[in-house]
Amino acid sequence: MVTAIIMLSVEKKHINQVAEKLASIEGLSEVYSVSGSYDIAAIARVQTNDQLSELVTQHLAQIDYILKTETMLAFQAYSKHDLEGMFSVGV
């Protein structure tokens, strides 16, 4: 499984609208409004790098009001939760 954290800068008055659209996209498991340099953080969990590429370059690119994105690939999970196992069972 490929996990990526996608940070998004969005036109301020459209943050909620963009977040709702992001939450409806298959492959984005979580969407958060955040403080700091970015407005939204989205967690992508897909099977392949090709699926991640499609998600970022096709699906996110279709959403209005996104000004900038930064995509970070996750190498290692340091969590008390077995996220991959949880998602593979369909929870």
PDB file of N, CA and C in Angstrom:
ATOM      1  N   MET A   1       0.841  -1.174   0.000  1.00  0.00           N
ATOM      2  CA  MET A   1       0.000   0.000   0.000  1.00  0.00           C
ATOM      3  C   MET A   1       0.889   1.242   0.000  1.00  0.00           C
ATOM      4  N   VAL A   2       0.483   2.248  -0.758  1.00  0.00           N
ATOM      5  CA  VAL A   2       1.173   3.524  -0.831  1.00  0.00           C
ATOM      6  C   VAL A   2       0.382   4.527  -0.005  1.00  0.00           C
ATOM      7  N   THR A   3       1.067   5.187   0.921  1.00  0.00           N
ATOM      8  CA  THR A   3       0.439   6.220   1.738  1.00  0.00           C
ATOM      9  C   THR A   3       1.142   7.533   1.454  1.00  0.00           C
ATOM     10  N   ALA A   4       0.355   8.580   1.263  1.00  0.00           N
ATOM     11  CA  ALA A   4       0.915   9.906   1.028  1.00  0.00           C
ATOM     12  C   ALA A   4       0.112  10.932   1.815  1.00  0.00           C
ATOM     13  N   ILE A   5       0.815  11.973   2.235  1.00  0.00           N
ATOM     14  CA  ILE A   5       0.177  13.103   2.882  1.00  0.00           C
ATOM     15  C   ILE A   5       0.200  14.240   1.866  1.00  0.00           C
ATOM     16  N   ILE A   6      -0.960  14.760   1.540  1.00  0.00           N
ATOM     17  CA  ILE A   6      -1.069  15.819   0.542  1.00  0.00           C
ATOM     18  C   ILE A   6      -1.496  17.094   1.264  1.00  0.00           C
ATOM     19  N   MET A   7      -0.631  18.092   1.204  1.00  0.00           N
ATOM     20  CA  MET A   7      -0.904  19.382   1.818  1.00  0.00           C
ATOM     21  C   MET A   7      -1.420  20.323   0.731  1.00  0.00           C
ATOM     22  N   LEU A   8      -2.484  21.058   1.029  1.00  0.00           N
ATOM     23  CA  LEU A   8      -3.104  21.921   0.023  1.00  0.00           C
ATOM     24  C   LEU A   8      -3.286  23.342   0.542  1.00  0.00           C
ATOM     25  N   SER A   9      -2.927  24.297  -0.287  1.00  0.00           N
ATOM     26  CA  SER A   9      -3.290  25.699  -0.070  1.00  0.00           C
ATOM     27  C   SER A   9      -4.516  25.967  -0.923  1.00  0.00           C
ATOM     28  N   VAL A  10      -5.509  26.588  -0.300  1.00  0.00           N
ATOM     29  CA  VAL A  10      -6.806  26.770  -0.947  1.00  0.00           C
ATOM     30  C   VAL A  10      -7.250  28.216  -0.742  1.00  0.00           C
ATOM     31  N   GLU A  11      -7.999  28.748  -1.697  1.00  0.00           N
ATOM     32  CA  GLU A  11      -8.599  30.068  -1.500  1.00  0.00           C
ATOM     33  C   GLU A  11      -9.428  30.020  -0.218  1.00  0.00           C
ATOM     34  N   LYS A  12      -9.156  30.939   0.681  1.00  0.00           N
ATOM     35  CA  LYS A  12      -9.697  30.888   2.053  1.00  0.00           C
ATOM     36  C   LYS A  12     -11.211  30.721   2.131  1.00  0.00           C
ATOM     37  N   LYS A  13     -11.950  31.415   1.301  1.00  0.00           N
ATOM     38  CA  LYS A  13     -13.406  31.329   1.419  1.00  0.00           C
ATOM     39  C   LYS A  13     -13.978  30.031   0.841  1.00  0.00           C
ATOM     40  N   HIS A  14     -13.118  29.186   0.293  1.00  0.00           N
ATOM     41  CA  HIS A  14     -13.592  27.935  -0.313  1.00  0.00           C
ATOM     42  C   HIS A  14     -13.015  26.684   0.367  1.00  0.00           C
ATOM     43  N   ILE A  15     -12.435  26.842   1.551  1.00  0.00           N
ATOM     44  CA  ILE A  15     -11.807  25.702   2.235  1.00  0.00           C
ATOM     45  C   ILE A  15     -12.815  24.586   2.485  1.00  0.00           C
ATOM     46  N   ASN A  16     -13.979  24.908   3.032  1.00  0.00           N
ATOM     47  CA  ASN A  16     -14.971  23.859   3.330  1.00  0.00           C
ATOM     48  C   ASN A  16     -15.445  23.159   2.070  1.00  0.00           C
ATOM     49  N   GLN A  17     -15.690  23.923   1.029  1.00  0.00           N
ATOM     50  CA  GLN A  17     -16.154  23.357  -0.241  1.00  0.00           C
ATOM     51  C   GLN A  17     -15.110  22.396  -0.815  1.00  0.00           C
ATOM     52  N   VAL A  18     -13.854  22.800  -0.810  1.00  0.00           N
ATOM     53  CA  VAL A  18     -12.781  21.948  -1.339  1.00  0.00           C
ATOM     54  C   VAL A  18     -12.618  20.709  -0.463  1.00  0.00           C
ATOM     55  N   ALA A  19     -12.655  20.875   0.849  1.00  0.00           N
ATOM     56  CA  ALA A  19     -12.512  19.735   1.760  1.00  0.00           C
ATOM     57  C   ALA A  19     -13.605  18.698   1.520  1.00  0.00           C
ATOM     58  N   GLU A  20     -14.827  19.144   1.304  1.00  0.00           N
ATOM     59  CA  GLU A  20     -15.933  18.215   1.045  1.00  0.00           C
ATOM     60  C   GLU A  20     -15.727  17.464  -0.269  1.00  0.00           C
ATOM     61  N   LYS A  21     -15.241  18.146  -1.293  1.00  0.00           N
ATOM     62  CA  LYS A  21     -14.961  17.473  -2.565  1.00  0.00           C
ATOM     63  C   LYS A  21     -13.851  16.452  -2.388  1.00  0.00           C
ATOM     64  N   LEU A  22     -12.802  16.825  -1.663  1.00  0.00           N
ATOM     65  CA  LEU A  22     -11.695  15.898  -1.426  1.00  0.00           C
ATOM     66  C   LEU A  22     -12.165  14.654  -0.684  1.00  0.00           C
ATOM     67  N   ALA A  23     -13.009  14.846   0.309  1.00  0.00           N
ATOM     68  CA  ALA A  23     -13.494  13.718   1.115  1.00  0.00           C
ATOM     69  C   ALA A  23     -14.288  12.718   0.291  1.00  0.00           C
ATOM     70  N   SER A  24     -14.812  13.132  -0.844  1.00  0.00           N
ATOM     71  CA  SER A  24     -15.606  12.231  -1.678  1.00  0.00           C
ATOM     72  C   SER A  24     -14.754  11.463  -2.700  1.00  0.00           C
ATOM     73  N   ILE A  25     -13.463  11.745  -2.762  1.00  0.00           N
ATOM     74  CA  ILE A  25     -12.590  11.106  -3.752  1.00  0.00           C
ATOM     75  C   ILE A  25     -12.078   9.777  -3.229  1.00  0.00           C
ATOM     76  N   GLU A  26     -12.278   8.742  -4.022  1.00  0.00           N
ATOM     77  CA  GLU A  26     -11.773   7.420  -3.654  1.00  0.00           C
ATOM     78  C   GLU A  26     -10.250   7.476  -3.586  1.00  0.00           C
ATOM     79  N   GLY A  27      -9.713   6.916  -2.527  1.00  0.00           N
ATOM     80  CA  GLY A  27      -8.266   6.923  -2.331  1.00  0.00           C
ATOM     81  C   GLY A  27      -7.820   7.911  -1.277  1.00  0.00           C
ATOM     82  N   LEU A  28      -8.658   8.897  -0.984  1.00  0.00           N
ATOM     83  CA  LEU A  28      -8.370   9.815   0.118  1.00  0.00           C
ATOM     84  C   LEU A  28      -9.133   9.321   1.338  1.00  0.00           C
ATOM     85  N   SER A  29      -8.402   8.830   2.314  1.00  0.00           N
ATOM     86  CA  SER A  29      -9.054   8.219   3.469  1.00  0.00           C
ATOM     87  C   SER A  29      -9.410   9.228   4.548  1.00  0.00           C
ATOM     88  N   GLU A  30      -8.683  10.350   4.595  1.00  0.00           N
ATOM     89  CA  GLU A  30      -8.938  11.365   5.608  1.00  0.00           C
ATOM     90  C   GLU A  30      -8.645  12.738   5.020  1.00  0.00           C
ATOM     91  N   VAL A  31      -9.421  13.720   5.454  1.00  0.00           N
ATOM     92  CA  VAL A  31      -9.216  15.109   5.031  1.00  0.00           C
ATOM     93  C   VAL A  31      -9.377  15.975   6.274  1.00  0.00           C
ATOM     94  N   TYR A  32      -8.387  16.831   6.515  1.00  0.00           N
ATOM     95  CA  TYR A  32      -8.383  17.687   7.699  1.00  0.00           C
ATOM     96  C   TYR A  32      -8.185  19.144   7.306  1.00  0.00           C
ATOM     97  N   SER A  33      -8.890  20.051   7.969  1.00  0.00           N
ATOM     98  CA  SER A  33      -8.509  21.460   7.891  1.00  0.00           C
ATOM     99  C   SER A  33      -7.408  21.624   8.943  1.00  0.00           C
ATOM    100  N   VAL A  34      -6.382  22.382   8.602  1.00  0.00           N
ATOM    101  CA  VAL A  34      -5.215  22.480   9.480  1.00  0.00           C
ATOM    102  C   VAL A  34      -4.761  23.930   9.612  1.00  0.00           C
ATOM    103  N   SER A  35      -3.966  24.174  10.638  1.00  0.00           N
ATOM    104  CA  SER A  35      -3.360  25.494  10.806  1.00  0.00           C
ATOM    105  C   SER A  35      -1.954  25.452  10.220  1.00  0.00           C
ATOM    106  N   GLY A  36      -1.389  26.612  10.009  1.00  0.00           N
ATOM    107  CA  GLY A  36      -0.026  26.677   9.508  1.00  0.00           C
ATOM    108  C   GLY A  36       0.036  27.158   8.079  1.00  0.00           C
ATOM    109  N   SER A  37       1.049  26.703   7.361  1.00  0.00           N
ATOM    110  CA  SER A  37       1.305  27.165   5.991  1.00  0.00           C
ATOM    111  C   SER A  37       0.292  26.660   4.984  1.00  0.00           C
ATOM    112  N   TYR A  38      -0.404  25.579   5.313  1.00  0.00           N
ATOM    113  CA  TYR A  38      -1.395  24.996   4.413  1.00  0.00           C
ATOM    114  C   TYR A  38      -2.775  25.069   5.058  1.00  0.00           C
ATOM    115  N   ASP A  39      -3.798  24.866   4.257  1.00  0.00           N
ATOM    116  CA  ASP A  39      -5.174  24.940   4.737  1.00  0.00           C
ATOM    117  C   ASP A  39      -5.801  23.573   4.970  1.00  0.00           C
ATOM    118  N   ILE A  40      -5.395  22.590   4.159  1.00  0.00           N
ATOM    119  CA  ILE A  40      -5.980  21.248   4.215  1.00  0.00           C
ATOM    120  C   ILE A  40      -4.863  20.214   4.125  1.00  0.00           C
ATOM    121  N   ALA A  41      -5.015  19.144   4.900  1.00  0.00           N
ATOM    122  CA  ALA A  41      -4.142  17.976   4.793  1.00  0.00           C
ATOM    123  C   ALA A  41      -5.027  16.790   4.437  1.00  0.00           C
ATOM    124  N   ALA A  42      -4.645  16.052   3.398  1.00  0.00           N
ATOM    125  CA  ALA A  42      -5.400  14.871   2.982  1.00  0.00           C
ATOM    126  C   ALA A  42      -4.475  13.666   3.021  1.00  0.00           C
ATOM    127  N   ILE A  43      -4.989  12.559   3.518  1.00  0.00           N
ATOM    128  CA  ILE A  43      -4.219  11.320   3.578  1.00  0.00           C
ATOM    129  C   ILE A  43      -4.696  10.417   2.449  1.00  0.00           C
ATOM    130  N   ALA A  44      -3.769  10.073   1.567  1.00  0.00           N
ATOM    131  CA  ALA A  44      -4.078   9.168   0.453  1.00  0.00           C
ATOM    132  C   ALA A  44      -3.560   7.780   0.793  1.00  0.00           C
ATOM    133  N   ARG A  45      -4.391   6.794   0.567  1.00  0.00           N
ATOM    134  CA  ARG A  45      -3.991   5.391   0.737  1.00  0.00           C
ATOM    135  C   ARG A  45      -4.475   4.640  -0.497  1.00  0.00           C
ATOM    136  N   VAL A  46      -3.523   4.261  -1.336  1.00  0.00           N
ATOM    137  CA  VAL A  46      -3.827   3.571  -2.586  1.00  0.00           C
ATOM    138  C   VAL A  46      -2.888   2.375  -2.724  1.00  0.00           C
ATOM    139  N   GLN A  47      -3.163   1.531  -3.690  1.00  0.00           N
ATOM    140  CA  GLN A  47      -2.376   0.317  -3.860  1.00  0.00           C
ATOM    141  C   GLN A  47      -1.053   0.543  -4.591  1.00  0.00           C
ATOM    142  N   THR A  48      -1.027   1.479  -5.538  1.00  0.00           N
ATOM    143  CA  THR A  48       0.168   1.626  -6.374  1.00  0.00           C
ATOM    144  C   THR A  48       0.548   3.098  -6.537  1.00  0.00           C
ATOM    145  N   ASN A  49       1.786   3.329  -6.935  1.00  0.00           N
ATOM    146  CA  ASN A  49       2.244   4.677  -7.255  1.00  0.00           C
ATOM    147  C   ASN A  49       1.464   5.254  -8.432  1.00  0.00           C
ATOM    148  N   ASP A  50       1.108   4.414  -9.387  1.00  0.00           N
ATOM    149  CA  ASP A  50       0.312   4.881 -10.533  1.00  0.00           C
ATOM    150  C   ASP A  50      -1.042   5.427 -10.073  1.00  0.00           C
ATOM    151  N   GLN A  51      -1.665   4.762  -9.111  1.00  0.00           N
ATOM    152  CA  GLN A  51      -2.943   5.244  -8.583  1.00  0.00           C
ATOM    153  C   GLN A  51      -2.762   6.580  -7.865  1.00  0.00           C
ATOM    154  N   LEU A  52      -1.652   6.733  -7.147  1.00  0.00           N
ATOM    155  CA  LEU A  52      -1.375   8.004  -6.484  1.00  0.00           C
ATOM    156  C   LEU A  52      -1.170   9.101  -7.513  1.00  0.00           C
ATOM    157  N   SER A  53      -0.425   8.792  -8.550  1.00  0.00           N
ATOM    158  CA  SER A  53      -0.195   9.762  -9.616  1.00  0.00           C
ATOM    159  C   SER A  53      -1.512  10.207 -10.243  1.00  0.00           C
ATOM    160  N   GLU A  54      -2.388   9.265 -10.523  1.00  0.00           N
ATOM    161  CA  GLU A  54      -3.694   9.587 -11.105  1.00  0.00           C
ATOM    162  C   GLU A  54      -4.521  10.444 -10.145  1.00  0.00           C
ATOM    163  N   LEU A  55      -4.490  10.097  -8.876  1.00  0.00           N
ATOM    164  CA  LEU A  55      -5.234  10.841  -7.873  1.00  0.00           C
ATOM    165  C   LEU A  55      -4.799  12.309  -7.841  1.00  0.00           C
ATOM    166  N   VAL A  56      -3.489  12.535  -7.833  1.00  0.00           N
ATOM    167  CA  VAL A  56      -2.971  13.901  -7.713  1.00  0.00           C
ATOM    168  C   VAL A  56      -3.083  14.667  -9.021  1.00  0.00           C
ATOM    169  N   THR A  57      -2.683  14.059 -10.117  1.00  0.00           N
ATOM    170  CA  THR A  57      -2.607  14.811 -11.379  1.00  0.00           C
ATOM    171  C   THR A  57      -3.932  14.904 -12.118  1.00  0.00           C
ATOM    172  N   GLN A  58      -4.863  14.006 -11.835  1.00  0.00           N
ATOM    173  CA  GLN A  58      -6.153  14.063 -12.528  1.00  0.00           C
ATOM    174  C   GLN A  58      -7.276  14.516 -11.599  1.00  0.00           C
ATOM    175  N   HIS A  59      -7.468  13.838 -10.490  1.00  0.00           N
ATOM    176  CA  HIS A  59      -8.611  14.141  -9.624  1.00  0.00           C
ATOM    177  C   HIS A  59      -8.443  15.465  -8.883  1.00  0.00           C
ATOM    178  N   LEU A  60      -7.307  15.664  -8.234  1.00  0.00           N
ATOM    179  CA  LEU A  60      -7.109  16.913  -7.507  1.00  0.00           C
ATOM    180  C   LEU A  60      -7.009  18.095  -8.457  1.00  0.00           C
ATOM    181  N   ALA A  61      -6.433  17.888  -9.612  1.00  0.00           N
ATOM    182  CA  ALA A  61      -6.281  18.972 -10.586  1.00  0.00           C
ATOM    183  C   ALA A  61      -7.627  19.477 -11.108  1.00  0.00           C
ATOM    184  N   GLN A  62      -8.666  18.685 -10.965  1.00  0.00           N
ATOM    185  CA  GLN A  62     -10.008  19.065 -11.439  1.00  0.00           C
ATOM    186  C   GLN A  62     -10.753  19.969 -10.450  1.00  0.00           C
ATOM    187  N   ILE A  63     -10.230  20.093  -9.232  1.00  0.00           N
ATOM    188  CA  ILE A  63     -10.942  20.836  -8.188  1.00  0.00           C
ATOM    189  C   ILE A  63     -10.543  22.307  -8.234  1.00  0.00           C
ATOM    190  N   ASP A  64     -11.540  23.158  -8.354  1.00  0.00           N
ATOM    191  CA  ASP A  64     -11.304  24.602  -8.354  1.00  0.00           C
ATOM    192  C   ASP A  64     -10.854  25.074  -6.967  1.00  0.00           C
ATOM    193  N   TYR A  65     -10.175  26.204  -6.944  1.00  0.00           N
ATOM    194  CA  TYR A  65      -9.771  26.930  -5.749  1.00  0.00           C
ATOM    195  C   TYR A  65      -8.547  26.355  -5.041  1.00  0.00           C
ATOM    196  N   ILE A  66      -7.966  25.277  -5.549  1.00  0.00           N
ATOM    197  CA  ILE A  66      -6.703  24.786  -5.006  1.00  0.00           C
ATOM    198  C   ILE A  66      -5.592  25.620  -5.626  1.00  0.00           C
ATOM    199  N   LEU A  67      -4.799  26.256  -4.787  1.00  0.00           N
ATOM    200  CA  LEU A  67      -3.741  27.140  -5.254  1.00  0.00           C
ATOM    201  C   LEU A  67      -2.399  26.429  -5.379  1.00  0.00           C
ATOM    202  N   LYS A  68      -2.148  25.481  -4.472  1.00  0.00           N
ATOM    203  CA  LYS A  68      -0.846  24.815  -4.413  1.00  0.00           C
ATOM    204  C   LYS A  68      -0.993  23.507  -3.644  1.00  0.00           C
ATOM    205  N   THR A  69      -0.223  22.503  -4.041  1.00  0.00           N
ATOM    206  CA  THR A  69      -0.192  21.248  -3.291  1.00  0.00           C
ATOM    207  C   THR A  69       1.251  20.829  -3.058  1.00  0.00           C
ATOM    208  N   GLU A  70       1.429  20.044  -2.023  1.00  0.00           N
ATOM    209  CA  GLU A  70       2.717  19.390  -1.760  1.00  0.00           C
ATOM    210  C   GLU A  70       2.392  17.968  -1.323  1.00  0.00           C
ATOM    211  N   THR A  71       2.949  17.002  -2.040  1.00  0.00           N
ATOM    212  CA  THR A  71       2.672  15.601  -1.756  1.00  0.00           C
ATOM    213  C   THR A  71       3.908  14.961  -1.148  1.00  0.00           C
ATOM    214  N   MET A  72       3.728  14.351   0.013  1.00  0.00           N
ATOM    215  CA  MET A  72       4.820  13.685   0.715  1.00  0.00           C
ATOM    216  C   MET A  72       4.515  12.201   0.815  1.00  0.00           C
ATOM    217  N   LEU A  73       5.438  11.364   0.367  1.00  0.00           N
ATOM    218  CA  LEU A  73       5.263   9.920   0.488  1.00  0.00           C
ATOM    219  C   LEU A  73       5.657   9.469   1.886  1.00  0.00           C
ATOM    220  N   ALA A  74       4.864   8.593   2.451  1.00  0.00           N
ATOM    221  CA  ALA A  74       5.179   8.023   3.760  1.00  0.00           C
ATOM    222  C   ALA A  74       6.023   6.772   3.554  1.00  0.00           C
ATOM    223  N   PHE A  75       7.137   6.695   4.278  1.00  0.00           N
ATOM    224  CA  PHE A  75       8.017   5.527   4.178  1.00  0.00           C
ATOM    225  C   PHE A  75       7.700   4.485   5.244  1.00  0.00           C
ATOM    226  N   GLN A  76       7.502   4.931   6.465  1.00  0.00           N
ATOM    227  CA  GLN A  76       7.321   4.012   7.585  1.00  0.00           C
ATOM    228  C   GLN A  76       6.235   4.557   8.500  1.00  0.00           C
ATOM    229  N   ALA A  77       5.341   3.698   8.943  1.00  0.00           N
ATOM    230  CA  ALA A  77       4.298   4.099   9.884  1.00  0.00           C
ATOM    231  C   ALA A  77       4.758   3.791  11.304  1.00  0.00           C
ATOM    232  N   TYR A  78       4.646   4.768  12.158  1.00  0.00           N
ATOM    233  CA  TYR A  78       4.946   4.599  13.580  1.00  0.00           C
ATOM    234  C   TYR A  78       3.654   4.870  14.328  1.00  0.00           C
ATOM    235  N   SER A  79       2.837   3.846  14.425  1.00  0.00           N
ATOM    236  CA  SER A  79       1.507   4.020  14.971  1.00  0.00           C
ATOM    237  C   SER A  79       1.141   2.818  15.822  1.00  0.00           C
ATOM    238  N   LYS A  80       0.275   3.057  16.787  1.00  0.00           N
ATOM    239  CA  LYS A  80      -0.247   1.965  17.599  1.00  0.00           C
ATOM    240  C   LYS A  80      -1.328   1.193  16.862  1.00  0.00           C
ATOM    241  N   HIS A  81      -1.801   1.747  15.757  1.00  0.00           N
ATOM    242  CA  HIS A  81      -2.870   1.128  14.985  1.00  0.00           C
ATOM    243  C   HIS A  81      -2.276   0.419  13.778  1.00  0.00           C
ATOM    244  N   ASP A  82      -2.793  -0.745  13.459  1.00  0.00           N
ATOM    245  CA  ASP A  82      -2.392  -1.450  12.247  1.00  0.00           C
ATOM    246  C   ASP A  82      -3.278  -0.943  11.116  1.00  0.00           C
ATOM    247  N   LEU A  83      -2.908   0.208  10.540  1.00  0.00           N
ATOM    248  CA  LEU A  83      -3.764   0.847   9.542  1.00  0.00           C
ATOM    249  C   LEU A  83      -3.951  -0.006   8.298  1.00  0.00           C
ATOM    250  N   GLU A  84      -2.885  -0.617   7.806  1.00  0.00           N
ATOM    251  CA  GLU A  84      -3.025  -1.413   6.587  1.00  0.00           C
ATOM    252  C   GLU A  84      -3.962  -2.597   6.830  1.00  0.00           C
ATOM    253  N   GLY A  85      -3.818  -3.267   7.964  1.00  0.00           N
ATOM    254  CA  GLY A  85      -4.693  -4.376   8.297  1.00  0.00           C
ATOM    255  C   GLY A  85      -6.135  -3.926   8.447  1.00  0.00           C
ATOM    256  N   MET A  86      -6.326  -2.758   9.051  1.00  0.00           N
ATOM    257  CA  MET A  86      -7.666  -2.232   9.246  1.00  0.00           C
ATOM    258  C   MET A  86      -8.341  -1.932   7.909  1.00  0.00           C
ATOM    259  N   PHE A  87      -7.606  -1.366   6.956  1.00  0.00           N
ATOM    260  CA  PHE A  87      -8.189  -1.026   5.664  1.00  0.00           C
ATOM    261  C   PHE A  87      -8.392  -2.267   4.804  1.00  0.00           C
ATOM    262  N   SER A  88      -7.566  -3.284   4.951  1.00  0.00           N
ATOM    263  CA  SER A  88      -7.717  -4.462   4.109  1.00  0.00           C
ATOM    264  C   SER A  88      -8.945  -5.288   4.510  1.00  0.00           C
ATOM    265  N   VAL A  89      -9.399  -5.149   5.754  1.00  0.00           N
ATOM    266  CA  VAL A  89     -10.568  -5.884   6.197  1.00  0.00           C
ATOM    267  C   VAL A  89     -11.849  -5.160   5.831  1.00  0.00           C
ATOM    268  N   GLY A  90     -11.723  -3.881   5.524  1.00  0.00           N
ATOM    269  CA  GLY A  90     -12.886  -3.113   5.118  1.00  0.00           C
ATOM    270  C   GLY A  90     -13.542  -2.373   6.256  1.00  0.00           C
ATOM    271  N   VAL A  91     -12.850  -2.200   7.373  1.00  0.00           N
ATOM    272  CA  VAL A  91     -13.397  -1.476   8.521  1.00  0.00           C
ATOM    273  C   VAL A  91     -13.508  -0.011   8.178  1.00  0.00           C
TER     274      VAL A  91
END
